[in-house]
């Protein structure tokens, strides 16, 4: 009996230590990880230039007929004082994307639109970046000072381009990128989408990307680079210096790869949350969101099984241990374990509240973050399983299954 009690005490000691480690991890995330949980990183202070630089907008599109009516007119209607033009690159669509784009341009007055097709990508190129390359090639004939790379599902407010260009010029940034506000209407979108942006900010704290010192020091700030592919304003000469997009032609996670390439050549990068740049793409079912995350999750981990194992353990420690420690501690009468778990869960939920407010979602969703994190854990494992089954990452029906499809300069992490 005494031996059993001793073993039980040892087990509870281990459980309590793990709960304490989880709380320590959350305190580190709260104060040291660049204040990632704050949502006040928006377009920096800006002044309108005396002479507005020219801009070419490049939109890679593959089977986007369902979303174009809600997005393309917003680009054509940009209230921009300088010269601007839109290039929509129809990447082998089978749903009439190119024809619809031309029809929308005829119906809506505004910026001139060119629709072109790049043909099938050669070996070594992901389809989206091959389309971007073709669009940038057409744009260079106009000799623009800036390129706006934006996805076909992104709707821009009329002054979006003005704000991006003003911010880039005022701050001296080579890349100004906004994380578009994703749709949150279905039950699963409400549960998963705000967490997606929250986790992204945890990986790439926005304050560090822009060069601020908040929470991490100058060395960390200058090393961190990321962008949000739905809305990237890129200085044309910076693109040439960084050999964009050729230098990242293999990248599945192309937005982070682009930011790293530009920052690696001495460029300045800024990333923040959008106020009036919205994704109109719906993800009504869990399997739709599952595909969105799992298509590139293992590429995010460099296709490395050891990194995958560490990620799974890390997610479990940070997100799953707190509620487990609280519930098990209460059930077994282990007060210390329960208190540590409750404290960690409270900090977790507290850091999630600003993102829920940003997405105008009910705050009672905050305690459900462990469940959402568990879904992301499963999506990440599924991404690895699909990779080893030869299916790999995909974009609009194109699959990239080889580990070498994400070279070092194009990998996130």
Protein backbone atom coordinates (compact mmCIF):
# COMPACT_ATOMS: atom_id res chain seq x y z
CA UNK A 1 0.00 0.00 0.00
CA UNK A 2 2.80 2.39 0.91
CA UNK A 3 4.64 1.57 -2.32
CA UNK A 4 1.49 2.30 -4.35
CA UNK A 5 1.07 5.64 -2.61
CA UNK A 6 4.73 6.46 -3.33
CA UNK A 7 4.29 5.67 -7.03
CA UNK A 8 1.11 7.78 -7.12
CA UNK A 9 2.94 10.69 -5.49
CA UNK A 10 5.73 10.43 -8.06
CA UNK A 11 3.19 10.48 -10.91
CA UNK A 12 1.48 13.56 -9.52
CA UNK A 13 4.84 15.25 -9.08
CA UNK A 14 5.54 14.71 -12.80
CA UNK A 15 2.05 15.92 -13.76
CA UNK A 16 2.45 19.03 -11.61
CA UNK A 17 5.87 19.78 -13.10
CA UNK A 18 4.43 19.47 -16.63
CA UNK A 19 1.60 21.83 -15.69
CA UNK A 20 4.16 24.27 -14.30
CA UNK A 21 6.15 24.06 -17.54
CA UNK A 22 3.00 24.84 -19.50
CA UNK A 23 2.32 27.91 -17.38
CA UNK A 24 5.94 29.01 -17.76
CA UNK A 25 5.62 28.63 -21.55
CA UNK A 26 2.54 30.84 -21.54
CA UNK A 27 4.21 33.50 -19.43
CA UNK A 28 7.11 33.50 -21.90
CA UNK A 29 4.71 33.78 -24.84
CA UNK A 30 2.82 36.57 -23.08
CA UNK A 31 5.80 38.80 -22.37
CA UNK A 32 8.69 37.73 -24.60
CA UNK A 33 7.25 36.60 -27.97
CA UNK A 34 6.90 40.07 -29.47
CA UNK A 35 3.47 40.68 -27.93
CA UNK A 36 2.17 38.54 -30.78
CA UNK A 37 -1.32 38.47 -29.26
CA UNK A 38 -1.93 42.19 -29.75
CA UNK A 39 -3.90 43.22 -32.83
CA UNK A 40 -2.91 46.88 -33.04
CA UNK A 41 -0.24 46.46 -35.74
CA UNK A 42 -2.01 48.21 -38.61
CA UNK A 43 -0.73 50.29 -41.53
CA UNK A 44 1.98 52.58 -40.11
CA UNK A 45 1.80 56.37 -40.16
CA UNK A 46 1.87 57.62 -43.72
CA UNK A 47 1.91 60.77 -45.81
CA UNK A 48 0.67 61.05 -49.36
CA UNK A 49 3.45 61.79 -51.87
CA UNK A 50 3.50 64.83 -54.11
CA UNK A 51 3.90 62.57 -57.13
CA UNK A 52 2.23 59.16 -56.97
CA UNK A 53 4.42 56.27 -58.19
CA UNK A 54 3.15 53.88 -60.86
CA UNK A 55 1.81 50.49 -59.76
CA UNK A 56 1.05 47.23 -61.54
CA UNK A 57 -1.31 44.81 -59.82
CA UNK A 58 -0.66 41.09 -60.45
CA UNK A 59 -3.45 38.61 -59.70
CA UNK A 60 -2.72 34.88 -60.16
CA UNK A 61 -6.01 33.08 -60.71
CA UNK A 62 -6.91 29.44 -61.22
CA UNK A 63 -10.58 28.41 -61.26
CA UNK A 64 -11.71 31.53 -59.42
CA UNK A 65 -14.99 32.28 -61.21
CA UNK A 66 -16.93 31.83 -57.97
CA UNK A 67 -15.13 34.65 -56.13
CA UNK A 68 -14.12 37.09 -58.90
CA UNK A 69 -17.44 39.01 -58.96
CA UNK A 70 -16.89 39.94 -55.30
CA UNK A 71 -13.18 40.76 -55.59
CA UNK A 72 -12.05 41.93 -59.05
CA UNK A 73 -14.40 44.97 -59.25
CA UNK A 74 -12.83 46.26 -56.02
CA UNK A 75 -9.41 46.27 -57.67
CA UNK A 76 -10.67 47.93 -60.83
CA UNK A 77 -12.35 50.61 -58.68
CA UNK A 78 -9.21 51.66 -56.81
CA UNK A 79 -9.13 55.41 -56.15
CA UNK A 80 -5.46 55.85 -57.00
CA UNK A 81 -4.12 59.21 -58.25
CA UNK A 82 -1.14 57.71 -60.08
CA UNK A 83 -0.85 55.31 -63.00
CA UNK A 84 -2.07 51.82 -62.15
CA UNK A 85 -2.98 48.73 -64.15
CA UNK A 86 -4.24 45.23 -63.30
CA UNK A 87 -2.84 41.99 -64.77
CA UNK A 88 -4.93 38.90 -64.10
CA UNK A 89 -3.02 35.72 -64.96
CA UNK A 90 -5.43 32.91 -65.77
CA UNK A 91 -3.46 29.82 -64.82
CA UNK A 92 -5.17 27.05 -66.80
CA UNK A 93 -8.67 27.61 -65.40
CA UNK A 94 -11.46 25.32 -66.52
CA UNK A 95 -14.35 27.41 -65.14
CA UNK A 96 -14.13 30.46 -67.41
CA UNK A 97 -12.11 32.61 -65.02
CA UNK A 98 -10.41 34.59 -67.81
CA UNK A 99 -13.61 35.23 -69.74
CA UNK A 100 -15.44 36.31 -66.60
CA UNK A 101 -12.62 38.72 -65.70
CA UNK A 102 -12.91 40.38 -69.12
CA UNK A 103 -16.67 40.63 -68.73
CA UNK A 104 -16.33 42.22 -65.29
CA UNK A 105 -13.87 44.76 -66.70
CA UNK A 106 -16.37 45.68 -69.40
CA UNK A 107 -19.11 46.14 -66.83
CA UNK A 108 -17.07 48.10 -64.28
CA UNK A 109 -15.20 51.24 -65.23
CA UNK A 110 -11.85 51.74 -63.57
CA UNK A 111 -8.26 50.59 -63.88
CA UNK A 112 -7.29 48.93 -67.16
CA UNK A 113 -7.22 45.12 -67.06
CA UNK A 114 -5.04 42.70 -69.00
CA UNK A 115 -5.89 38.99 -68.89
CA UNK A 116 -3.14 36.57 -69.92
CA UNK A 117 -2.24 32.90 -69.57
CA UNK A 118 1.24 31.59 -68.74
CA UNK A 119 0.77 28.02 -69.94
CA UNK A 120 1.76 25.00 -67.87
CA UNK A 121 4.58 25.61 -65.37
CA UNK A 122 7.92 23.95 -66.14
CA UNK A 123 9.57 21.57 -63.69
CA UNK A 124 10.79 23.34 -60.58
CA UNK A 125 7.98 25.91 -60.43
CA UNK A 126 4.86 25.91 -58.29
CA UNK A 127 1.85 26.90 -60.36
CA UNK A 128 1.02 30.08 -58.47
CA UNK A 129 4.54 31.46 -58.68
CA UNK A 130 4.75 30.62 -62.39
CA UNK A 131 1.61 32.72 -62.87
CA UNK A 132 3.12 35.51 -60.74
CA UNK A 133 6.30 35.40 -62.83
CA UNK A 134 4.31 35.79 -66.01
CA UNK A 135 2.39 38.72 -64.54
CA UNK A 136 5.54 40.46 -63.32
CA UNK A 137 7.09 39.96 -66.75
CA UNK A 138 4.15 41.72 -68.40
CA UNK A 139 4.19 44.44 -65.76
CA UNK A 140 7.89 45.22 -66.23
CA UNK A 141 7.15 46.50 -69.73
CA UNK A 142 5.28 49.35 -67.98
CA UNK A 143 8.30 50.04 -65.72
CA UNK A 144 6.26 50.36 -62.51
CA UNK A 145 7.79 51.52 -59.25
CA UNK A 146 5.64 49.10 -57.26
CA UNK A 147 3.99 45.73 -57.74
CA UNK A 148 0.89 44.75 -55.83
CA UNK A 149 0.62 40.96 -55.59
CA UNK A 150 -2.88 40.03 -54.50
CA UNK A 151 -4.96 36.85 -54.63
CA UNK A 152 -8.12 36.47 -56.69
CA UNK A 153 -10.31 36.14 -53.58
CA UNK A 154 -9.20 39.44 -51.99
CA UNK A 155 -11.54 42.44 -51.99
CA UNK A 156 -9.90 45.83 -51.45
CA UNK A 157 -11.47 49.01 -50.13
CA UNK A 158 -11.31 51.87 -52.69
CA UNK A 159 -8.37 53.53 -50.90
CA UNK A 160 -6.42 50.31 -50.27
CA UNK A 161 -3.76 50.93 -52.90
CA UNK A 162 -3.31 54.55 -51.79
CA UNK A 163 -2.76 53.44 -48.22
CA UNK A 164 -0.25 50.73 -49.13
CA UNK A 165 1.82 53.00 -51.38
CA UNK A 166 1.74 55.86 -48.86
CA UNK A 167 2.89 53.54 -46.07
CA UNK A 168 5.71 52.10 -48.16
CA UNK A 169 6.97 55.52 -49.19
CA UNK A 170 6.68 57.12 -45.76
CA UNK A 171 8.30 54.23 -43.90
CA UNK A 172 10.88 53.36 -46.54
CA UNK A 173 9.59 49.78 -46.77
CA UNK A 174 10.35 47.47 -49.69
CA UNK A 175 7.43 45.21 -48.76
CA UNK A 176 4.17 46.31 -47.15
CA UNK A 177 1.82 43.39 -46.58
CA UNK A 178 -1.55 43.15 -44.91
CA UNK A 179 -3.10 40.00 -43.48
CA UNK A 180 -6.53 40.11 -45.12
CA UNK A 181 -9.50 39.63 -42.83
CA UNK A 182 -10.74 36.11 -43.60
CA UNK A 183 -14.42 35.22 -43.76
CA UNK A 184 -16.02 34.12 -40.46
CA UNK A 185 -19.64 33.18 -41.06
CA UNK A 186 -20.02 29.42 -40.70
CA UNK A 187 -19.61 27.65 -37.36
CA UNK A 188 -16.29 26.15 -38.38
CA UNK A 189 -14.98 29.45 -39.74
CA UNK A 190 -15.73 31.10 -36.40
CA UNK A 191 -13.93 28.34 -34.54
CA UNK A 192 -10.89 27.91 -36.79
CA UNK A 193 -10.19 31.13 -38.74
CA UNK A 194 -9.31 33.56 -35.91
CA UNK A 195 -7.04 30.87 -34.46
CA UNK A 196 -5.31 30.53 -37.85
CA UNK A 197 -4.26 34.20 -37.76
CA UNK A 198 -3.44 33.95 -34.04
CA UNK A 199 -1.09 31.00 -34.65
CA UNK A 200 0.50 32.78 -37.63
CA UNK A 201 1.22 35.83 -35.48
CA UNK A 202 2.68 33.55 -32.81
CA UNK A 203 5.10 32.10 -35.38
CA UNK A 204 5.90 35.49 -36.94
CA UNK A 205 5.28 38.31 -34.45
CA UNK A 206 4.36 41.35 -36.52
CA UNK A 207 6.39 43.75 -34.35
CA UNK A 208 9.54 41.79 -35.05
CA UNK A 209 8.95 41.76 -38.79
CA UNK A 210 8.72 45.53 -38.99
CA UNK A 211 11.95 45.94 -37.04
CA UNK A 212 10.50 46.97 -33.67
CA UNK A 213 12.10 45.96 -30.40
CA UNK A 214 8.91 44.87 -28.65
CA UNK A 215 9.48 41.77 -26.63
CA UNK A 216 12.44 40.36 -28.47
CA UNK A 217 15.33 42.73 -29.03
CA UNK A 218 16.76 44.18 -32.23
CA UNK A 219 18.63 41.08 -33.40
CA UNK A 220 15.48 38.95 -33.36
CA UNK A 221 13.48 41.73 -35.03
CA UNK A 222 15.78 42.04 -38.01
CA UNK A 223 15.87 38.27 -38.56
CA UNK A 224 12.12 37.62 -38.61
CA UNK A 225 10.45 37.93 -42.02
CA UNK A 226 6.98 37.10 -43.25
CA UNK A 227 4.23 38.42 -45.48
CA UNK A 228 0.61 37.57 -46.19
CA UNK A 229 0.25 36.45 -49.79
CA UNK A 230 -3.20 37.92 -50.29
CA UNK A 231 -1.92 41.50 -50.17
CA UNK A 232 1.77 42.27 -50.80
CA UNK A 233 2.98 45.61 -52.10
CA UNK A 234 6.52 45.09 -53.39
CA UNK A 235 8.94 47.73 -54.58
CA UNK A 236 9.93 46.77 -58.14
CA UNK A 237 13.65 47.37 -57.69
CA UNK A 238 13.61 45.27 -54.50
CA UNK A 239 11.99 42.45 -56.47
CA UNK A 240 14.83 42.60 -58.99
CA UNK A 241 17.51 42.62 -56.28
CA UNK A 242 15.96 39.58 -54.61
CA UNK A 243 15.27 37.85 -57.96
CA UNK A 244 11.55 37.56 -57.21
CA UNK A 245 9.92 35.25 -58.09
CA UNK A 246 12.70 33.10 -59.60
CA UNK A 247 14.58 32.80 -56.31
CA UNK A 248 11.52 31.29 -54.61
CA UNK A 249 10.11 29.36 -57.58
CA UNK A 250 9.84 26.09 -55.60
CA UNK A 251 8.17 27.62 -52.55
CA UNK A 252 4.78 26.35 -51.45
CA UNK A 253 4.63 28.96 -48.65
CA UNK A 254 5.48 31.70 -51.12
CA UNK A 255 4.57 34.74 -49.01
CA UNK A 256 7.04 33.98 -46.24
CA UNK A 257 9.65 33.00 -48.83
CA UNK A 258 9.20 36.33 -50.62
CA UNK A 259 9.64 38.33 -47.42
CA UNK A 260 12.76 36.36 -46.50
CA UNK A 261 14.27 36.87 -49.93
CA UNK A 262 13.69 40.63 -49.82
CA UNK A 263 14.94 40.95 -46.25
CA UNK A 264 17.95 38.79 -47.11
CA UNK A 265 19.05 41.40 -49.66
CA UNK A 266 18.79 44.24 -47.15
CA UNK A 267 15.18 45.20 -47.82
CA UNK A 268 12.72 46.38 -45.18
CA UNK A 269 9.51 44.43 -44.63
CA UNK A 270 6.31 45.36 -42.82
CA UNK A 271 3.35 43.10 -42.03
CA UNK A 272 0.19 43.87 -40.13
CA UNK A 273 -3.52 43.19 -39.88
CA UNK A 274 -5.83 44.67 -42.49
CA UNK A 275 -8.70 46.98 -41.74
CA UNK A 276 -10.46 46.98 -45.11
CA UNK A 277 -8.84 44.20 -47.10
CA UNK A 278 -11.02 41.10 -46.94
CA UNK A 279 -10.99 37.56 -48.27
CA UNK A 280 -14.31 36.60 -49.84
CA UNK A 281 -13.48 32.91 -50.12
CA UNK A 282 -15.87 30.76 -48.07
CA UNK A 283 -14.76 27.79 -45.95
CA UNK A 284 -18.16 26.55 -44.80
CA UNK A 285 -17.13 23.02 -43.80
CA UNK A 286 -14.40 21.67 -41.58
CA UNK A 287 -12.90 19.73 -44.47
CA UNK A 288 -12.49 22.99 -46.45
CA UNK A 289 -10.50 24.53 -43.61
CA UNK A 290 -8.66 21.26 -43.08
CA UNK A 291 -7.42 21.36 -46.68
CA UNK A 292 -6.37 25.00 -46.34
CA UNK A 293 -4.14 24.21 -43.35
CA UNK A 294 -2.89 20.72 -44.19
CA UNK A 295 -1.88 21.54 -47.79
CA UNK A 296 1.25 23.34 -46.55
CA UNK A 297 1.60 22.52 -42.84
CA UNK A 298 4.33 19.91 -43.31
CA UNK A 299 6.19 22.20 -45.71
CA UNK A 300 6.16 24.71 -42.85
CA UNK A 301 8.09 22.11 -40.85
CA UNK A 302 10.64 21.56 -43.65
CA UNK A 303 9.32 18.03 -44.20
CA UNK A 304 11.35 17.02 -41.14
CA UNK A 305 9.94 14.20 -38.95
CA UNK A 306 11.90 15.40 -35.92
CA UNK A 307 10.51 18.91 -36.27
CA UNK A 308 7.03 17.38 -36.65
CA UNK A 309 7.47 15.40 -33.43
CA UNK A 310 8.72 18.50 -31.59
CA UNK A 311 5.77 20.50 -32.92
CA UNK A 312 3.26 17.91 -31.75
CA UNK A 313 4.83 17.82 -28.30
CA UNK A 314 4.97 21.60 -28.17
CA UNK A 315 1.32 21.99 -29.14
CA UNK A 316 0.35 19.41 -26.52
CA UNK A 317 2.37 21.11 -23.78
CA UNK A 318 1.17 24.62 -24.55
CA UNK A 319 -2.46 24.06 -25.51
CA UNK A 320 -3.61 20.66 -24.26
CA UNK A 321 -1.90 20.39 -20.87
CA UNK A 322 -3.65 23.41 -19.22
CA UNK A 323 -7.27 22.16 -19.48
CA UNK A 324 -6.16 18.58 -18.82
CA UNK A 325 -4.24 19.59 -15.69
CA UNK A 326 -7.19 21.61 -14.39
CA UNK A 327 -9.78 18.89 -14.95
CA UNK A 328 -7.64 15.98 -13.76
CA UNK A 329 -6.35 17.96 -10.80
CA UNK A 330 -9.88 18.81 -9.69
CA UNK A 331 -11.04 15.23 -10.15
CA UNK A 332 -8.15 13.83 -8.10
CA UNK A 333 -8.09 16.55 -5.48
CA UNK A 334 -4.64 17.76 -6.52
CA UNK A 335 -4.98 21.48 -5.86
CA UNK A 336 -1.54 22.56 -7.06
CA UNK A 337 -1.95 20.81 -10.42
CA UNK A 338 -5.43 22.28 -10.88
CA UNK A 339 -4.28 25.82 -10.04
CA UNK A 340 -1.34 25.65 -12.45
CA UNK A 341 -3.57 24.33 -15.22
CA UNK A 342 -6.22 26.99 -14.57
CA UNK A 343 -3.61 29.77 -14.60
CA UNK A 344 -2.12 28.59 -17.89
CA UNK A 345 -5.58 28.24 -19.47
CA UNK A 346 -6.49 31.72 -18.25
CA UNK A 347 -3.40 33.28 -19.81
CA UNK A 348 -4.05 31.36 -23.03
CA UNK A 349 -7.64 32.55 -23.26
CA UNK A 350 -6.63 36.10 -22.37
CA UNK A 351 -4.13 36.29 -25.22
CA UNK A 352 -6.80 35.07 -27.65
CA UNK A 353 -9.37 37.73 -26.75
CA UNK A 354 -7.87 40.54 -28.92
CA UNK A 355 -8.03 38.33 -32.02
CA UNK A 356 -11.65 37.43 -31.31
CA UNK A 357 -12.45 41.13 -30.94
CA UNK A 358 -10.68 41.87 -34.23
CA UNK A 359 -12.87 39.26 -35.94
CA UNK A 360 -15.95 40.50 -34.05
CA UNK A 361 -16.56 37.07 -32.55
CA UNK A 362 -18.09 36.21 -29.15
CA UNK A 363 -15.49 36.18 -26.39
CA UNK A 364 -16.77 32.88 -24.97
CA UNK A 365 -14.87 31.20 -27.84
CA UNK A 366 -11.58 31.99 -26.06
CA UNK A 367 -11.67 28.98 -23.67
CA UNK A 368 -12.24 26.71 -26.69
CA UNK A 369 -8.76 27.47 -28.07
CA UNK A 370 -7.34 24.13 -26.78
CA UNK A 371 -9.91 22.26 -28.88
CA UNK A 372 -9.03 24.32 -31.96
CA UNK A 373 -5.33 23.75 -31.32
CA UNK A 374 -5.99 20.01 -31.18
CA UNK A 375 -7.62 20.27 -34.61
CA UNK A 376 -4.53 22.06 -35.91
CA UNK A 377 -2.34 19.35 -34.42
CA UNK A 378 -4.34 16.72 -36.33
CA UNK A 379 -4.18 18.80 -39.53
CA UNK A 380 -0.40 19.04 -39.22
CA UNK A 381 -0.03 15.30 -38.72
CA UNK A 382 -2.37 14.69 -41.66
CA UNK A 383 -0.23 17.00 -43.81
CA UNK A 384 2.79 14.79 -43.06
CA UNK A 385 0.80 11.63 -43.81
CA UNK A 386 -0.33 13.03 -47.16
CA UNK A 387 3.25 14.01 -47.96
CA UNK A 388 4.57 10.49 -47.39
CA UNK A 389 1.69 9.08 -49.42
CA UNK A 390 2.98 11.14 -52.34
CA UNK A 391 0.20 13.71 -52.34
CA UNK A 392 2.09 16.59 -50.76
CA UNK A 393 1.17 20.26 -50.85
CA UNK A 394 -1.20 21.51 -53.48
CA UNK A 395 -2.49 24.70 -55.08
CA UNK A 396 -5.74 24.57 -57.04
CA UNK A 397 -5.40 20.94 -58.02
CA UNK A 398 -1.63 20.94 -58.56
CA UNK A 399 0.31 18.77 -56.14
CA UNK A 400 3.93 19.28 -55.05
CA UNK A 401 5.01 16.19 -53.20
CA UNK A 402 8.80 16.30 -53.31
CA UNK A 403 10.72 17.53 -50.25
CA UNK A 404 13.00 19.49 -52.58
CA UNK A 405 9.96 21.46 -53.74
CA UNK A 406 10.58 23.80 -50.82
CA UNK A 407 14.20 24.92 -50.89
CA UNK A 408 15.88 26.56 -47.93
CA UNK A 409 15.17 30.11 -49.07
CA UNK A 410 11.53 29.26 -49.57
CA UNK A 411 10.87 27.47 -46.33
CA UNK A 412 9.02 28.93 -43.41
CA UNK A 413 9.94 28.25 -39.85
